[in-house]
N, C-alpha and C. Protein backbone atom coordinates (compact mmCIF):
# COMPACT_ATOMS: atom_id res chain seq x y z
N MET A 1 32.34 12.60 -12.37
CA MET A 1 31.40 12.79 -12.65
C MET A 1 30.04 12.61 -11.73
N GLN A 2 29.38 13.21 -11.46
CA GLN A 2 28.20 13.60 -10.24
C GLN A 2 26.99 12.94 -10.25
N LEU A 3 26.77 12.23 -9.33
CA LEU A 3 25.10 11.85 -9.26
C LEU A 3 24.02 12.96 -9.00
N ALA A 4 23.05 12.59 -9.74
CA ALA A 4 21.87 13.96 -8.98
C ALA A 4 21.68 13.50 -7.85
N ASP A 5 20.92 14.51 -7.03
CA ASP A 5 20.71 13.93 -5.74
C ASP A 5 19.54 12.95 -5.75
N TRP A 6 19.02 12.65 -6.32
CA TRP A 6 17.70 11.50 -6.31
C TRP A 6 18.50 10.20 -6.50
N GLN A 7 19.68 10.12 -7.16
CA GLN A 7 20.35 9.08 -7.82
C GLN A 7 21.50 8.58 -6.41
N GLU A 8 22.14 9.51 -5.87
CA GLU A 8 22.60 9.38 -4.57
C GLU A 8 21.81 9.07 -3.45
N ARG A 9 20.89 9.33 -3.06
CA ARG A 9 19.66 9.17 -2.12
C ARG A 9 19.23 7.05 -2.58
N ASP A 10 19.15 7.17 -3.80
CA ASP A 10 18.86 5.51 -4.32
C ASP A 10 19.59 4.82 -4.01
N TRP A 11 21.17 5.42 -4.65
CA TRP A 11 22.39 4.42 -4.15
C TRP A 11 22.69 4.11 -3.08
N LYS A 12 22.36 5.23 -2.30
CA LYS A 12 22.61 4.96 -0.63
C LYS A 12 21.90 3.83 0.02
N ARG A 13 20.69 4.39 -0.16
CA ARG A 13 19.48 3.08 -0.12
C ARG A 13 19.85 1.82 -0.40
N ALA A 14 20.26 1.79 -1.67
CA ALA A 14 20.34 0.20 -2.55
C ALA A 14 21.85 -0.44 -1.54
N GLN A 15 22.79 0.36 -1.54
CA GLN A 15 23.90 0.31 -0.34
C GLN A 15 23.59 -0.12 0.75
N ARG A 16 22.70 0.06 1.39
CA ARG A 16 22.25 -0.29 2.92
C ARG A 16 21.37 -1.46 2.77
N TRP A 17 20.80 -1.63 1.65
CA TRP A 17 19.99 -3.15 1.13
C TRP A 17 20.82 -3.99 1.27
N ALA A 18 21.78 -3.54 0.80
CA ALA A 18 23.08 -4.95 0.19
C ALA A 18 23.84 -5.21 1.38
N ASP A 19 24.30 -4.00 2.44
CA ASP A 19 24.64 -4.54 3.80
C ASP A 19 23.96 -5.33 4.85
N CYS A 20 22.27 -5.19 4.65
CA CYS A 20 21.22 -5.81 5.33
C CYS A 20 21.55 -7.44 4.87
N CYS A 21 21.46 -7.26 3.77
CA CYS A 21 21.32 -8.82 2.94
C CYS A 21 22.50 -9.46 3.19
N THR A 22 23.64 -9.19 3.27
CA THR A 22 25.07 -9.87 3.81
C THR A 22 24.88 -10.21 4.75
N ARG A 23 24.71 -9.47 5.84
CA ARG A 23 24.29 -9.67 7.07
C ARG A 23 22.91 -10.68 7.59
N GLY A 24 22.23 -11.07 6.71
CA GLY A 24 21.44 -12.00 6.58
C GLY A 24 19.73 -11.44 7.05
N GLU A 25 19.77 -9.88 6.81
CA GLU A 25 18.88 -9.44 7.44
C GLU A 25 17.50 -9.21 6.32
N CYS A 26 17.95 -10.01 5.33
CA CYS A 26 16.95 -10.05 3.89
C CYS A 26 15.65 -10.60 4.09
N ALA A 27 14.83 -9.93 3.52
CA ALA A 27 13.14 -10.53 4.02
C ALA A 27 13.27 -11.95 3.26
N TYR A 28 13.99 -12.26 2.74
CA TYR A 28 13.71 -13.13 1.90
C TYR A 28 14.95 -14.29 2.18
N ALA A 29 15.71 -14.25 3.61
CA ALA A 29 16.55 -15.03 4.09
C ALA A 29 16.09 -16.22 4.54
N THR A 30 15.09 -16.21 4.91
CA THR A 30 14.55 -17.49 5.53
C THR A 30 13.40 -18.07 4.36
N GLU A 31 13.20 -19.54 4.53
CA GLU A 31 12.38 -20.50 3.63
C GLU A 31 11.06 -19.61 3.27
N ARG A 32 10.29 -19.27 4.42
CA ARG A 32 8.80 -18.39 4.26
C ARG A 32 9.00 -17.11 5.01
N PRO A 33 9.31 -16.25 4.21
CA PRO A 33 9.40 -14.91 4.56
C PRO A 33 8.00 -14.25 4.90
N GLU A 34 8.17 -13.00 5.90
CA GLU A 34 7.34 -12.73 6.34
C GLU A 34 6.97 -11.21 5.47
N ARG A 35 5.91 -10.97 5.80
CA ARG A 35 5.67 -9.71 4.93
C ARG A 35 6.76 -8.78 5.06
N TYR A 36 7.35 -8.13 4.29
CA TYR A 36 8.19 -7.12 4.36
C TYR A 36 7.94 -5.77 4.92
N LEU A 37 8.49 -5.61 6.27
CA LEU A 37 8.18 -4.38 7.04
C LEU A 37 9.01 -3.14 6.97
N GLY A 38 9.88 -3.41 6.18
CA GLY A 38 10.56 -2.15 5.70
C GLY A 38 12.17 -2.04 6.64
N GLY A 39 12.29 -3.18 7.07
CA GLY A 39 13.59 -2.94 8.31
C GLY A 39 15.11 -3.14 7.28
N GLY A 40 14.82 -4.33 6.63
CA GLY A 40 16.21 -4.75 5.98
C GLY A 40 16.19 -4.71 4.30
N CYS A 41 16.50 -5.69 3.86
CA CYS A 41 16.65 -5.56 2.47
C CYS A 41 15.41 -6.26 1.96
N PRO A 42 14.63 -5.69 0.95
CA PRO A 42 13.59 -6.33 0.06
C PRO A 42 13.72 -7.14 -0.70
N GLY A 43 14.86 -7.43 -0.63
CA GLY A 43 14.95 -8.52 -1.91
C GLY A 43 15.34 -8.10 -2.77
N VAL A 44 16.07 -6.81 -3.39
CA VAL A 44 16.44 -6.32 -4.60
C VAL A 44 18.16 -5.69 -4.40
N HIS A 45 18.36 -5.99 -5.50
CA HIS A 45 19.81 -5.79 -5.67
C HIS A 45 19.99 -4.79 -6.95
N CYS A 46 20.97 -3.81 -6.84
CA CYS A 46 20.75 -2.58 -7.56
C CYS A 46 22.75 -2.57 -8.02
N THR A 47 22.68 -2.06 -8.98
CA THR A 47 23.91 -1.84 -9.64
C THR A 47 24.03 -0.39 -10.30
N LEU A 48 25.54 0.40 -9.97
CA LEU A 48 25.12 1.58 -10.46
C LEU A 48 26.35 1.69 -12.15
N HIS A 49 26.25 2.68 -12.96
CA HIS A 49 27.08 2.36 -14.05
C HIS A 49 26.44 3.29 -14.89
N TRP A 50 27.44 3.95 -15.57
CA TRP A 50 27.86 4.85 -16.57
C TRP A 50 27.13 4.62 -17.82
N GLU A 51 26.41 5.40 -18.57
CA GLU A 51 26.45 5.11 -19.92
C GLU A 51 26.65 6.80 -20.36
N GLU A 52 27.39 6.51 -21.07
CA GLU A 52 27.83 8.00 -21.83
C GLU A 52 28.49 8.97 -20.88
N THR A 53 27.08 9.88 -20.64
CA THR A 53 27.57 10.78 -19.53
C THR A 53 26.54 11.02 -18.25
N GLN A 54 25.97 9.78 -18.34
CA GLN A 54 24.64 9.50 -17.55
C GLN A 54 24.75 8.32 -16.54
N ALA A 55 24.53 8.56 -15.64
CA ALA A 55 24.22 7.62 -14.24
C ALA A 55 23.25 6.84 -14.74
N VAL A 56 23.38 5.45 -14.31
CA VAL A 56 22.00 4.75 -14.38
C VAL A 56 22.11 3.59 -13.27
N LEU A 57 20.81 3.68 -12.42
CA LEU A 57 20.74 2.78 -11.69
C LEU A 57 19.91 1.56 -12.07
N ARG A 58 20.41 0.33 -11.96
CA ARG A 58 19.45 -0.70 -12.39
C ARG A 58 19.25 -1.57 -11.04
N TYR A 59 17.57 -2.18 -11.07
CA TYR A 59 17.10 -3.07 -10.21
C TYR A 59 16.79 -4.17 -10.34
N ARG A 60 17.17 -5.23 -9.63
CA ARG A 60 16.73 -6.47 -10.15
C ARG A 60 16.54 -7.37 -8.73
N GLU A 61 15.65 -8.55 -8.75
CA GLU A 61 15.64 -9.40 -7.62
C GLU A 61 17.13 -10.02 -7.30
N CYS A 62 17.05 -9.72 -6.07
CA CYS A 62 18.27 -11.00 -5.19
C CYS A 62 18.24 -12.34 -5.49
N PHE A 63 19.44 -13.13 -5.51
CA PHE A 63 19.27 -14.52 -5.30
C PHE A 63 18.12 -14.81 -4.68
N ARG A 64 18.27 -14.63 -3.17
CA ARG A 64 17.45 -15.20 -2.49
C ARG A 64 16.01 -15.33 -2.97
N LYS A 65 15.81 -13.88 -3.30
CA LYS A 65 14.26 -13.78 -3.65
C LYS A 65 13.52 -14.54 -4.68
N ALA A 66 15.00 -14.60 -5.60
CA ALA A 66 14.62 -15.48 -7.16
C ALA A 66 14.16 -16.95 -6.61
N ALA A 67 15.32 -17.31 -5.63
CA ALA A 67 14.76 -18.63 -5.31
C ALA A 67 13.76 -19.04 -4.51
N TRP A 68 13.26 -17.97 -3.75
CA TRP A 68 11.88 -18.04 -3.14
C TRP A 68 10.85 -18.44 -4.30
N TRP A 69 10.87 -17.14 -4.93
CA TRP A 69 9.67 -17.34 -5.92
C TRP A 69 9.83 -18.64 -6.59
N LYS A 70 11.04 -19.12 -7.01
CA LYS A 70 11.29 -20.32 -7.56
C LYS A 70 10.23 -21.63 -7.13
N SER A 71 10.73 -21.50 -5.66
CA SER A 71 10.24 -22.44 -4.75
C SER A 71 8.53 -22.20 -4.56
N LEU A 72 8.35 -21.19 -4.29
CA LEU A 72 6.82 -20.59 -4.37
C LEU A 72 5.81 -21.42 -5.73
N ARG A 73 6.81 -21.27 -6.95
CA ARG A 73 5.86 -21.51 -8.00
C ARG A 73 5.83 -23.04 -8.36
N GLU A 74 7.15 -24.04 -7.55
CA GLU A 74 7.25 -24.96 -7.78
C GLU A 74 6.44 -26.05 -6.74
N ARG A 75 5.69 -25.62 -5.70
CA ARG A 75 5.02 -25.77 -4.67
C ARG A 75 3.85 -26.48 -4.96
N PRO A 76 2.94 -25.69 -5.79
CA PRO A 76 1.75 -26.60 -6.29
C PRO A 76 1.94 -27.60 -7.15
N ARG A 77 2.87 -27.86 -7.87
CA ARG A 77 3.35 -28.77 -8.82
C ARG A 77 3.47 -30.15 -7.94
N THR A 78 4.42 -29.97 -6.92
CA THR A 78 4.94 -30.92 -5.57
C THR A 78 3.46 -31.50 -5.41
N VAL A 79 2.77 -30.59 -4.91
CA VAL A 79 1.58 -31.21 -3.95
C VAL A 79 0.48 -32.11 -4.99
N GLN A 80 0.48 -31.40 -6.68
CA GLN A 80 0.02 -32.55 -7.60
C GLN A 80 0.23 -33.47 -7.90
N ARG A 81 1.65 -33.53 -7.68
CA ARG A 81 2.46 -35.09 -8.19
C ARG A 81 2.20 -35.93 -6.58
N VAL A 82 2.46 -35.47 -5.55
CA VAL A 82 2.27 -36.37 -4.53
C VAL A 82 0.58 -36.60 -4.29
N SER A 83 -0.47 -35.81 -4.58
CA SER A 83 -1.76 -35.95 -4.42
C SER A 83 -2.05 -37.45 -5.65
N ARG A 84 -1.20 -36.98 -6.87
CA ARG A 84 -1.75 -38.32 -8.03
C ARG A 84 -0.77 -39.81 -7.47
N ARG A 85 0.17 -39.81 -6.69
CA ARG A 85 1.03 -40.73 -6.63
C ARG A 85 -0.29 -41.30 -5.26
N LEU A 86 -0.36 -40.65 -4.28
CA LEU A 86 -1.15 -41.48 -3.41
C LEU A 86 -2.70 -41.64 -3.73
N ALA A 87 -3.16 -40.98 -4.85
CA ALA A 87 -4.54 -41.78 -5.50
C ALA A 87 -4.11 -42.99 -6.04
N SER A 88 -2.90 -42.87 -6.86
CA SER A 88 -2.65 -44.18 -7.78
C SER A 88 -2.20 -45.69 -6.45
N ASP A 89 -1.64 -44.93 -5.40
CA ASP A 89 -1.56 -46.04 -4.42
C ASP A 89 -2.63 -46.61 -4.05
N GLU A 90 -3.72 -45.97 -4.00
CA GLU A 90 -4.84 -46.30 -3.47
C GLU A 90 -5.85 -47.26 -4.46
N THR A 91 -5.48 -47.26 -5.54
CA THR A 91 -6.24 -48.12 -6.08
C THR A 91 -5.50 -49.56 -6.37
């Protein structure tokens, strides 16, 4: 079975992203990523599979980006907990 031109292009781009991510050139390889400038992996993982007679590309966040988002969501909670502790220690 053959991929369409746009699928071939997107699949090759996803493979480049995976290679960059493996080398640590992922935008989310550090704890505080800079704005994505288009050089390495943007934190996206892609899979290719066939459904009946049609190729399907599925995209999802890579594990590094998911961990970064989780830490970003938890950061305000941690600050609130520390602030409450400090306030209760002062009394």
